[in-house]
């Protein structure tokens, strides 16, 4: 475990980020292998069908995973304050709320999957495969959500290594099962979904055993499950807005997907490729953002206010540099990236993907700022502003994509994501200045009190 309240801020942030980055790389590696197997063996229709589910999957799963992030922030703050009993109590409350939410969402998602695909105007030739894939994924939602909750809890107490190991196990198992179900049993896209769920179940088992054997601060007893309304409300007030934030952003992505679905299978395939590349671009941004959330929460609990500001500044600089460098590499080697997922003979799709790279790549540096600042505000304990920023993303992405559909066409639609990122940052900036001002005031007050004691 890494104590994020001690040592040089950027050094401990990067040390904590590295296992997160490796874990996300393994997850992305699996996504790439999944996409490559589906695209190269089952064809562009199957590839597009799986891609067409991404926004809907993000809508449902994003909400569940978002709430687990919120619950873990409270755990991180209490851990930073050396409140072990508070950590256990928060862990129990979060576990209870996570399980209830996952079960409710499973019923809703399983029932509404096909109607929502039809409302999204998914091309008819893609509906069956898309629905089969979602049935598998939503059927095992509880394992995916539990894995994310347990991983977030371990990260909250400074352990980013164990979730990495669990993810590596899950990824390797996932790839093996992918070949078994798709190439061996000919289970098509449904097999891809089943492989994912089985692998997630094994990763949950691994984390449960590890916590039982190695993490006494998370050992729960009967008294930790005695909840009062105030504590439940506190966790819900931070967790559920973060879930809604993810879902709000997903609704914007859903609107964009509907607009792209109207443009045919080639455009849907372009979007599927683009989302994979966006994941690669966001990988370090997300990893650093997760580290900033934990760093901020632990140091806020430990009342290390000046330290929080130093970590924030350095994290923004590093993330922006990555966004600029990756965009340059992506545009330069665009055909290589596209050729990973689709045959080079599909020249129209490859050209469309190049346009996607150009538009998004120009604004990756803004996305880099968004991830760090939003994570900082969440770690501080404010879930309202990031939710409002998510609403801004929804309005901008949906508004630009729908307006462009009836005016300038695809090139305008592609600008909907950068517009969403800009809208979100605009909402976050005032809160950023307010919080940094508050932290400077708190830091000065702490120094004044120390001088008085001397």
Protein backbone atom coordinates (compact mmCIF):
# COMPACT_ATOMS: atom_id res chain seq x y z
CA UNK A 1 0.00 0.00 0.00
CA UNK A 2 1.08 3.59 -0.69
CA UNK A 3 0.44 6.32 1.86
CA UNK A 4 -0.51 9.25 -0.36
CA UNK A 5 -0.24 11.73 2.52
CA UNK A 6 3.57 11.42 2.68
CA UNK A 7 6.42 11.95 0.23
CA UNK A 8 6.75 14.19 -2.81
CA UNK A 9 3.19 14.66 -4.18
CA UNK A 10 3.80 13.96 -7.86
CA UNK A 11 6.07 11.01 -7.03
CA UNK A 12 3.47 9.21 -4.90
CA UNK A 13 0.74 10.08 -7.41
CA UNK A 14 2.71 8.51 -10.25
CA UNK A 15 3.67 5.47 -8.15
CA UNK A 16 -0.02 4.99 -7.39
CA UNK A 17 -0.97 5.66 -11.03
CA UNK A 18 1.41 3.09 -12.50
CA UNK A 19 -0.49 -0.05 -11.37
CA UNK A 20 -3.75 1.66 -12.40
CA UNK A 21 -2.29 2.33 -15.83
CA UNK A 22 -1.06 -1.24 -16.20
CA UNK A 23 -4.47 -2.52 -15.12
CA UNK A 24 -6.26 -0.31 -17.61
CA UNK A 25 -3.78 -1.39 -20.28
CA UNK A 26 -4.66 -5.01 -19.63
CA UNK A 27 -8.35 -4.12 -19.77
CA UNK A 28 -7.82 -2.24 -23.02
CA UNK A 29 -5.74 -5.12 -24.34
CA UNK A 30 -8.67 -7.41 -23.72
CA UNK A 31 -11.04 -4.95 -25.44
CA UNK A 32 -8.66 -4.80 -28.39
CA UNK A 33 -8.41 -8.59 -28.62
CA UNK A 34 -12.18 -8.86 -28.31
CA UNK A 35 -12.69 -6.32 -31.08
CA UNK A 36 -10.01 -7.88 -33.29
CA UNK A 37 -11.44 -11.41 -32.91
CA UNK A 38 -15.00 -10.22 -33.59
CA UNK A 39 -14.02 -7.91 -36.45
CA UNK A 40 -11.60 -10.25 -38.20
CA UNK A 41 -13.50 -13.54 -37.75
CA UNK A 42 -17.20 -12.64 -37.59
CA UNK A 43 -17.09 -9.68 -40.00
CA UNK A 44 -17.89 -6.00 -39.94
CA UNK A 45 -21.59 -6.49 -39.11
CA UNK A 46 -20.79 -8.39 -35.89
CA UNK A 47 -18.08 -5.86 -35.09
CA UNK A 48 -20.50 -2.98 -35.64
CA UNK A 49 -23.20 -4.76 -33.58
CA UNK A 50 -20.93 -4.98 -30.53
CA UNK A 51 -19.86 -1.38 -31.09
CA UNK A 52 -23.50 -0.30 -31.28
CA UNK A 53 -24.04 -1.55 -27.71
CA UNK A 54 -21.27 0.54 -26.17
CA UNK A 55 -23.33 3.64 -25.39
CA UNK A 56 -26.21 1.61 -23.92
CA UNK A 57 -23.77 -0.52 -21.94
CA UNK A 58 -22.13 2.66 -20.65
CA UNK A 59 -25.53 4.05 -19.64
CA UNK A 60 -26.38 1.10 -17.38
CA UNK A 61 -22.98 -0.09 -16.23
CA UNK A 62 -21.61 3.43 -15.91
CA UNK A 63 -24.23 4.29 -13.30
CA UNK A 64 -23.44 1.23 -11.20
CA UNK A 65 -19.69 1.72 -11.44
CA UNK A 66 -20.03 5.46 -10.75
CA UNK A 67 -21.70 4.90 -7.39
CA UNK A 68 -18.86 2.59 -6.29
CA UNK A 69 -16.39 5.39 -6.96
CA UNK A 70 -18.43 7.72 -4.77
CA UNK A 71 -18.59 5.26 -1.87
CA UNK A 72 -14.83 4.71 -2.02
CA UNK A 73 -14.10 8.44 -1.68
CA UNK A 74 -15.61 8.41 1.82
CA UNK A 75 -13.50 5.36 2.66
CA UNK A 76 -10.40 7.15 1.40
CA UNK A 77 -11.09 10.26 3.48
CA UNK A 78 -11.58 8.17 6.63
CA UNK A 79 -8.47 6.14 5.89
CA UNK A 80 -6.46 9.37 5.56
CA UNK A 81 -7.83 10.45 8.95
CA UNK A 82 -6.73 7.08 10.49
CA UNK A 83 -10.35 6.18 11.31
CA UNK A 84 -10.25 2.37 10.93
CA UNK A 85 -13.73 1.78 12.31
CA UNK A 86 -15.08 4.45 10.01
CA UNK A 87 -13.42 2.69 7.07
CA UNK A 88 -15.08 -0.63 7.98
CA UNK A 89 -18.47 0.98 8.46
CA UNK A 90 -18.23 2.76 5.10
CA UNK A 91 -17.11 -0.45 3.41
CA UNK A 92 -20.17 -2.28 4.75
CA UNK A 93 -22.60 0.47 3.73
CA UNK A 94 -21.08 0.70 0.27
CA UNK A 95 -21.23 -3.06 -0.18
CA UNK A 96 -24.91 -3.15 0.79
CA UNK A 97 -25.87 -0.26 -1.51
CA UNK A 98 -23.75 -1.64 -4.36
CA UNK A 99 -25.42 -5.08 -4.27
CA UNK A 100 -28.95 -3.65 -4.08
CA UNK A 101 -28.26 -1.28 -6.96
CA UNK A 102 -26.68 -3.99 -9.12
CA UNK A 103 -29.65 -6.33 -8.67
CA UNK A 104 -32.21 -3.62 -9.49
CA UNK A 105 -30.27 -2.51 -12.56
CA UNK A 106 -29.93 -6.10 -13.77
CA UNK A 107 -33.71 -6.50 -13.88
CA UNK A 108 -34.21 -3.15 -15.60
CA UNK A 109 -31.41 -3.61 -18.12
CA UNK A 110 -32.34 -7.19 -19.01
CA UNK A 111 -35.96 -6.14 -19.63
CA UNK A 112 -35.23 -2.96 -21.58
CA UNK A 113 -32.21 -3.98 -23.68
CA UNK A 114 -33.98 -4.77 -26.97
CA UNK A 115 -36.57 -1.94 -26.79
CA UNK A 116 -33.75 0.52 -26.19
CA UNK A 117 -31.76 -0.82 -29.14
CA UNK A 118 -34.83 -0.28 -31.31
CA UNK A 119 -35.41 3.22 -29.92
CA UNK A 120 -31.77 3.97 -30.76
CA UNK A 121 -32.61 3.01 -34.37
CA UNK A 122 -29.86 0.42 -34.48
CA UNK A 123 -29.59 -0.86 -38.08
CA UNK A 124 -31.90 -3.93 -38.45
CA UNK A 125 -29.05 -6.19 -39.54
CA UNK A 126 -27.25 -5.49 -36.24
CA UNK A 127 -30.14 -5.83 -33.76
CA UNK A 128 -29.95 -9.58 -33.08
CA UNK A 129 -26.20 -9.70 -32.42
CA UNK A 130 -26.31 -6.51 -30.35
CA UNK A 131 -29.13 -7.88 -28.19
CA UNK A 132 -27.36 -11.24 -27.71
CA UNK A 133 -24.23 -9.46 -26.52
CA UNK A 134 -26.15 -7.27 -24.06
CA UNK A 135 -28.06 -10.25 -22.62
CA UNK A 136 -24.77 -11.85 -21.64
CA UNK A 137 -23.25 -8.65 -20.23
CA UNK A 138 -26.31 -7.52 -18.27
CA UNK A 139 -27.02 -11.03 -17.01
CA UNK A 140 -23.72 -11.01 -15.11
CA UNK A 141 -23.77 -7.35 -14.12
CA UNK A 142 -23.45 -8.08 -10.40
CA UNK A 143 -19.94 -9.51 -10.92
CA UNK A 144 -18.76 -6.51 -12.94
CA UNK A 145 -20.11 -4.05 -10.37
CA UNK A 146 -18.67 -5.98 -7.41
CA UNK A 147 -15.27 -6.15 -9.08
CA UNK A 148 -15.27 -2.39 -9.54
CA UNK A 149 -16.44 -1.75 -5.98
CA UNK A 150 -13.81 -3.97 -4.36
CA UNK A 151 -11.11 -2.52 -6.63
CA UNK A 152 -12.13 1.05 -5.77
CA UNK A 153 -12.14 0.24 -2.05
CA UNK A 154 -8.61 -1.19 -2.17
CA UNK A 155 -7.40 1.84 -4.13
CA UNK A 156 -9.06 4.08 -1.55
CA UNK A 157 -6.73 2.70 1.13
CA UNK A 158 -3.67 3.04 -1.09
CA UNK A 159 -3.51 -0.40 -2.73
CA UNK A 160 -3.56 -0.08 -6.52
CA UNK A 161 -1.41 -3.22 -6.99
CA UNK A 162 -3.94 -5.88 -5.98
CA UNK A 163 -6.71 -4.67 -8.34
CA UNK A 164 -4.05 -4.79 -11.07
CA UNK A 165 -3.28 -8.44 -10.34
CA UNK A 166 -7.00 -9.28 -10.32
CA UNK A 167 -7.41 -7.49 -13.63
CA UNK A 168 -4.48 -9.32 -15.18
CA UNK A 169 -5.99 -12.66 -14.12
CA UNK A 170 -9.37 -11.57 -15.48
CA UNK A 171 -7.91 -10.36 -18.78
CA UNK A 172 -5.89 -13.51 -19.45
CA UNK A 173 -8.87 -15.70 -18.60
CA UNK A 174 -11.10 -13.49 -20.73
CA UNK A 175 -8.90 -13.85 -23.80
CA UNK A 176 -8.68 -17.64 -23.39
CA UNK A 177 -12.46 -17.92 -23.01
CA UNK A 178 -12.91 -15.58 -25.99
CA UNK A 179 -11.14 -18.06 -28.23
CA UNK A 180 -13.04 -20.98 -26.68
CA UNK A 181 -16.52 -19.47 -27.07
CA UNK A 182 -16.10 -17.65 -30.39
CA UNK A 183 -13.63 -19.78 -32.33
CA UNK A 184 -14.18 -23.13 -30.58
CA UNK A 185 -17.87 -23.25 -29.69
CA UNK A 186 -18.99 -20.79 -32.41
CA UNK A 187 -21.06 -18.87 -29.87
CA UNK A 188 -20.56 -15.62 -31.82
CA UNK A 189 -21.03 -12.32 -29.96
CA UNK A 190 -23.04 -13.95 -27.17
CA UNK A 191 -19.95 -16.03 -26.40
CA UNK A 192 -17.86 -12.85 -26.19
CA UNK A 193 -20.21 -11.52 -23.52
CA UNK A 194 -20.25 -14.78 -21.55
CA UNK A 195 -16.44 -14.89 -21.58
CA UNK A 196 -16.34 -11.41 -20.03
CA UNK A 197 -18.76 -12.28 -17.23
CA UNK A 198 -17.02 -15.53 -16.26
CA UNK A 199 -13.68 -13.73 -16.09
CA UNK A 200 -15.20 -10.98 -13.92
CA UNK A 201 -16.62 -13.56 -11.52
CA UNK A 202 -13.17 -15.08 -11.02
CA UNK A 203 -11.65 -11.64 -10.39
CA UNK A 204 -14.27 -10.95 -7.69
CA UNK A 205 -13.43 -14.25 -6.00
CA UNK A 206 -9.73 -13.36 -6.05
CA UNK A 207 -10.33 -9.95 -4.41
CA UNK A 208 -12.62 -11.41 -1.73
CA UNK A 209 -9.98 -14.00 -0.78
CA UNK A 210 -7.22 -11.39 -0.77
CA UNK A 211 -9.17 -9.03 1.51
CA UNK A 212 -9.96 -11.91 3.85
CA UNK A 213 -6.30 -12.94 4.13
CA UNK A 214 -4.38 -9.66 3.83
CA UNK A 215 -6.49 -6.57 4.62
CA UNK A 216 -7.66 -6.50 8.25
CA UNK A 217 -8.90 -2.91 7.97
CA UNK A 218 -11.62 -4.25 5.64
CA UNK A 219 -12.63 -7.22 7.79
CA UNK A 220 -16.31 -6.80 8.57
CA UNK A 221 -18.28 -8.02 11.56
CA UNK A 222 -21.93 -7.96 12.52
CA UNK A 223 -21.76 -4.52 14.14
CA UNK A 224 -20.49 -2.91 10.94
CA UNK A 225 -23.77 -3.75 9.20
CA UNK A 226 -25.84 -1.78 11.71
CA UNK A 227 -26.63 1.25 9.57
CA UNK A 228 -28.20 4.53 10.60
CA UNK A 229 -30.04 6.86 8.22
CA UNK A 230 -27.43 9.60 8.52
CA UNK A 231 -24.58 7.36 7.36
CA UNK A 232 -26.58 5.83 4.53
CA UNK A 233 -27.64 9.31 3.40
CA UNK A 234 -24.05 10.52 3.48
CA UNK A 235 -22.87 7.67 1.25
CA UNK A 236 -25.87 7.94 -1.06
CA UNK A 237 -25.36 11.71 -1.37
CA UNK A 238 -21.86 11.16 -2.77
CA UNK A 239 -22.24 7.83 -4.55
CA UNK A 240 -25.49 8.20 -6.48
CA UNK A 241 -24.73 11.64 -7.97
CA UNK A 242 -21.52 10.15 -9.34
CA UNK A 243 -23.59 7.33 -10.80
CA UNK A 244 -26.00 9.82 -12.33
CA UNK A 245 -23.05 11.78 -13.64
CA UNK A 246 -21.85 8.72 -15.55
CA UNK A 247 -25.36 8.02 -16.84
CA UNK A 248 -25.89 11.61 -17.91
CA UNK A 249 -22.67 11.49 -19.91
CA UNK A 250 -23.81 8.14 -21.32
CA UNK A 251 -27.13 9.61 -22.46
CA UNK A 252 -25.15 12.09 -24.52
CA UNK A 253 -23.17 9.21 -26.00
CA UNK A 254 -26.45 7.39 -26.59
CA UNK A 255 -27.82 10.36 -28.51
CA UNK A 256 -24.66 10.46 -30.60
CA UNK A 257 -24.99 6.73 -31.27
CA UNK A 258 -28.59 7.21 -32.44
CA UNK A 259 -27.47 9.93 -34.85
CA UNK A 260 -24.65 7.74 -36.19
CA UNK A 261 -26.99 4.75 -36.52
CA UNK A 262 -29.00 6.78 -39.01
CA UNK A 263 -25.91 7.05 -41.20
CA UNK A 264 -25.48 3.33 -41.84
CA UNK A 265 -23.28 0.39 -40.90
CA UNK A 266 -20.01 1.90 -42.17
CA UNK A 267 -20.40 4.93 -39.91
CA UNK A 268 -21.34 2.69 -36.95
CA UNK A 269 -18.18 0.66 -37.61
CA UNK A 270 -16.17 3.89 -37.73
CA UNK A 271 -17.58 4.86 -34.35
CA UNK A 272 -16.75 1.42 -32.94
CA UNK A 273 -13.12 1.84 -34.04
CA UNK A 274 -13.02 5.42 -32.78
CA UNK A 275 -14.26 4.43 -29.33
CA UNK A 276 -11.51 1.84 -29.04
CA UNK A 277 -8.89 4.46 -29.92
CA UNK A 278 -10.47 6.98 -27.54
CA UNK A 279 -10.07 4.39 -24.78
CA UNK A 280 -6.37 4.16 -25.59
CA UNK A 281 -6.03 7.96 -25.51
CA UNK A 282 -7.93 8.20 -22.23
CA UNK A 283 -6.06 5.38 -20.55
CA UNK A 284 -3.36 7.47 -18.82
CA UNK A 285 -5.87 10.30 -18.28
CA UNK A 286 -8.31 8.03 -16.46
CA UNK A 287 -5.54 6.33 -14.48
CA UNK A 288 -4.05 9.62 -13.35
CA UNK A 289 -7.54 10.91 -12.58
CA UNK A 290 -8.25 7.92 -10.33
CA UNK A 291 -4.96 8.52 -8.54
CA UNK A 292 -5.80 12.21 -8.09
CA UNK A 293 -9.18 11.31 -6.55
CA UNK A 294 -7.55 9.03 -3.95
CA UNK A 295 -4.66 11.46 -3.38
CA UNK A 296 -7.06 14.35 -2.84
CA UNK A 297 -9.41 12.40 -0.55
CA UNK A 298 -6.65 10.96 1.65
CA UNK A 299 -4.88 14.30 2.00
CA UNK A 300 -8.15 16.10 2.70
CA UNK A 301 -8.80 13.61 5.50
CA UNK A 302 -5.26 14.21 6.77
CA UNK A 303 -5.70 18.01 6.45
CA UNK A 304 -2.75 18.29 4.04
CA UNK A 305 -4.31 21.13 2.02
CA UNK A 306 -1.25 22.69 0.40
CA UNK A 307 -0.11 19.24 -0.65
CA UNK A 308 -3.42 18.74 -2.50
CA UNK A 309 -2.81 21.86 -4.61
CA UNK A 310 0.72 20.84 -5.54
CA UNK A 311 -0.43 17.39 -6.66
CA UNK A 312 -3.24 18.92 -8.73
CA UNK A 313 -0.94 21.31 -10.60
CA UNK A 314 1.62 18.68 -11.56
CA UNK A 315 -1.06 16.17 -12.58
CA UNK A 316 -2.69 18.64 -14.98
CA UNK A 317 0.64 19.35 -16.67
CA UNK A 318 1.45 15.65 -17.15
CA UNK A 319 -2.00 14.82 -18.50
CA UNK A 320 -2.01 17.68 -21.01
CA UNK A 321 1.40 16.65 -22.38
CA UNK A 322 0.11 13.10 -22.89
CA UNK A 323 -3.00 14.34 -24.75
CA UNK A 324 -0.93 16.38 -27.20
CA UNK A 325 1.66 13.65 -27.84
CA UNK A 326 -0.90 10.88 -28.35
CA UNK A 327 -2.92 12.98 -30.81
CA UNK A 328 0.20 13.53 -32.94
CA UNK A 329 1.04 9.80 -32.97
CA UNK A 330 -2.57 8.82 -33.76
CA UNK A 331 -2.89 11.11 -36.77
CA UNK A 332 0.53 10.13 -38.13
CA UNK A 333 -0.10 6.36 -37.90
CA UNK A 334 -3.87 6.40 -38.44
CA UNK A 335 -4.00 3.52 -40.92
CA UNK A 336 -2.12 1.24 -38.55
CA UNK A 337 -4.58 1.89 -35.72
CA UNK A 338 -7.64 1.38 -37.94
CA UNK A 339 -6.17 -1.72 -39.54
CA UNK A 340 -6.09 -3.43 -36.15
CA UNK A 341 -9.87 -3.70 -36.15
CA UNK A 342 -10.98 -3.88 -39.75
CA UNK A 343 -9.60 -5.17 -43.04
CA UNK A 344 -7.54 -2.66 -45.04
CA UNK A 345 -9.88 -3.35 -47.96
CA UNK A 346 -12.60 -1.42 -46.09
CA UNK A 347 -11.21 1.88 -47.39
CA UNK A 348 -14.33 3.92 -46.68
CA UNK A 349 -14.39 2.96 -42.99
CA UNK A 350 -10.64 3.64 -42.66
CA UNK A 351 -11.08 7.12 -44.21
CA UNK A 352 -14.00 7.89 -41.89
CA UNK A 353 -11.91 6.78 -38.92
CA UNK A 354 -9.13 9.18 -39.99
CA UNK A 355 -11.60 12.07 -39.87
CA UNK A 356 -12.63 10.92 -36.40
CA UNK A 357 -9.00 10.93 -35.24
CA UNK A 358 -8.37 14.43 -36.58
CA UNK A 359 -11.39 15.98 -34.87
CA UNK A 360 -11.01 14.30 -31.48
CA UNK A 361 -7.22 14.46 -31.43
CA UNK A 362 -7.26 18.26 -31.64
CA UNK A 363 -9.08 18.38 -28.32
CA UNK A 364 -7.51 15.56 -26.29
CA UNK A 365 -5.61 18.16 -24.25
CA UNK A 366 -8.93 19.60 -23.04
CA UNK A 367 -10.12 16.10 -22.14
CA UNK A 368 -6.87 15.70 -20.16
CA UNK A 369 -7.70 18.78 -18.07
CA UNK A 370 -11.27 17.53 -17.61
CA UNK A 371 -10.24 14.19 -16.11
CA UNK A 372 -7.85 15.67 -13.54
CA UNK A 373 -9.97 18.64 -12.42
CA UNK A 374 -13.13 16.54 -12.15
CA UNK A 375 -11.30 13.88 -10.14
CA UNK A 376 -9.86 16.55 -7.85
CA UNK A 377 -13.31 18.00 -7.15
CA UNK A 378 -14.73 14.54 -6.47
CA UNK A 379 -11.87 13.67 -4.11
CA UNK A 380 -12.60 16.90 -2.25
CA UNK A 381 -16.07 15.47 -1.59
CA UNK A 382 -18.14 17.53 -4.03
CA UNK A 383 -20.33 15.37 -6.27
CA UNK A 384 -22.80 18.08 -7.34
CA UNK A 385 -20.51 20.09 -9.61
CA UNK A 386 -19.19 17.04 -11.52
CA UNK A 387 -22.85 16.02 -12.02
CA UNK A 388 -23.65 19.47 -13.43
CA UNK A 389 -20.59 19.13 -15.65
CA UNK A 390 -21.99 15.79 -16.84
CA UNK A 391 -25.25 17.55 -17.71
CA UNK A 392 -23.28 20.09 -19.72
CA UNK A 393 -21.64 17.21 -21.59
CA UNK A 394 -25.08 15.79 -22.34
CA UNK A 395 -26.47 19.06 -23.65
CA UNK A 396 -23.43 19.83 -25.80
CA UNK A 397 -22.97 16.34 -27.22
CA UNK A 398 -26.67 15.80 -27.96
CA UNK A 399 -27.23 19.33 -29.22
CA UNK A 400 -24.25 19.43 -31.57
CA UNK A 401 -24.83 15.92 -32.94
CA UNK A 402 -28.55 16.42 -33.66
CA UNK A 403 -28.07 19.90 -35.13
CA UNK A 404 -25.19 18.70 -37.30
CA UNK A 405 -27.23 15.77 -38.62
CA UNK A 406 -29.67 18.14 -40.31
CA UNK A 407 -27.10 20.75 -41.35
CA UNK A 408 -23.43 19.96 -42.05
CA UNK A 409 -23.55 16.17 -41.73
CA UNK A 410 -20.99 13.73 -40.33
CA UNK A 411 -18.07 16.13 -39.90
CA UNK A 412 -20.23 18.30 -37.64
CA UNK A 413 -21.45 15.26 -35.70
CA UNK A 414 -17.83 14.31 -35.01
CA UNK A 415 -17.35 17.64 -33.22
CA UNK A 416 -20.02 16.74 -30.66
CA UNK A 417 -17.57 15.00 -28.29
CA UNK A 418 -15.04 17.87 -28.21
CA UNK A 419 -17.96 20.26 -27.66
CA UNK A 420 -19.05 18.10 -24.70
CA UNK A 421 -15.57 18.18 -23.18
CA UNK A 422 -15.38 21.96 -23.51
CA UNK A 423 -18.84 22.41 -21.96
CA UNK A 424 -17.90 20.23 -19.01
CA UNK A 425 -14.63 22.07 -18.33
CA UNK A 426 -16.47 25.41 -18.40
CA UNK A 427 -18.74 24.17 -15.60
CA UNK A 428 -15.84 22.79 -13.56
CA UNK A 429 -13.61 25.87 -13.70
CA UNK A 430 -15.54 28.10 -11.22
CA UNK A 431 -15.69 25.27 -8.69
CA UNK A 432 -11.98 24.61 -9.21
CA UNK A 433 -11.12 28.21 -8.30
CA UNK A 434 -13.50 28.18 -5.31
CA UNK A 435 -12.04 24.94 -3.92
CA UNK A 436 -8.41 25.98 -4.42
CA UNK A 437 -9.16 29.27 -2.67
CA UNK A 438 -10.74 27.36 0.23
CA UNK A 439 -7.74 25.04 0.48
CA UNK A 440 -5.29 27.95 0.54
CA UNK A 441 -7.35 29.54 3.31
CA UNK A 442 -7.39 26.28 5.28
CA UNK A 443 -3.64 25.88 4.80
CA UNK A 444 -2.96 29.41 6.02
CA UNK A 445 -5.24 28.82 9.01
CA UNK A 446 -3.39 25.60 9.90
CA UNK A 447 -0.05 27.44 9.75
CA UNK A 448 -1.38 30.25 11.91
CA UNK A 449 -2.59 27.76 14.53
CA UNK A 450 0.80 26.03 14.51
CA UNK A 451 2.55 29.38 15.07
CA UNK A 452 0.22 30.13 17.99
CA UNK A 453 1.08 26.79 19.59
CA UNK A 454 4.79 27.54 19.24
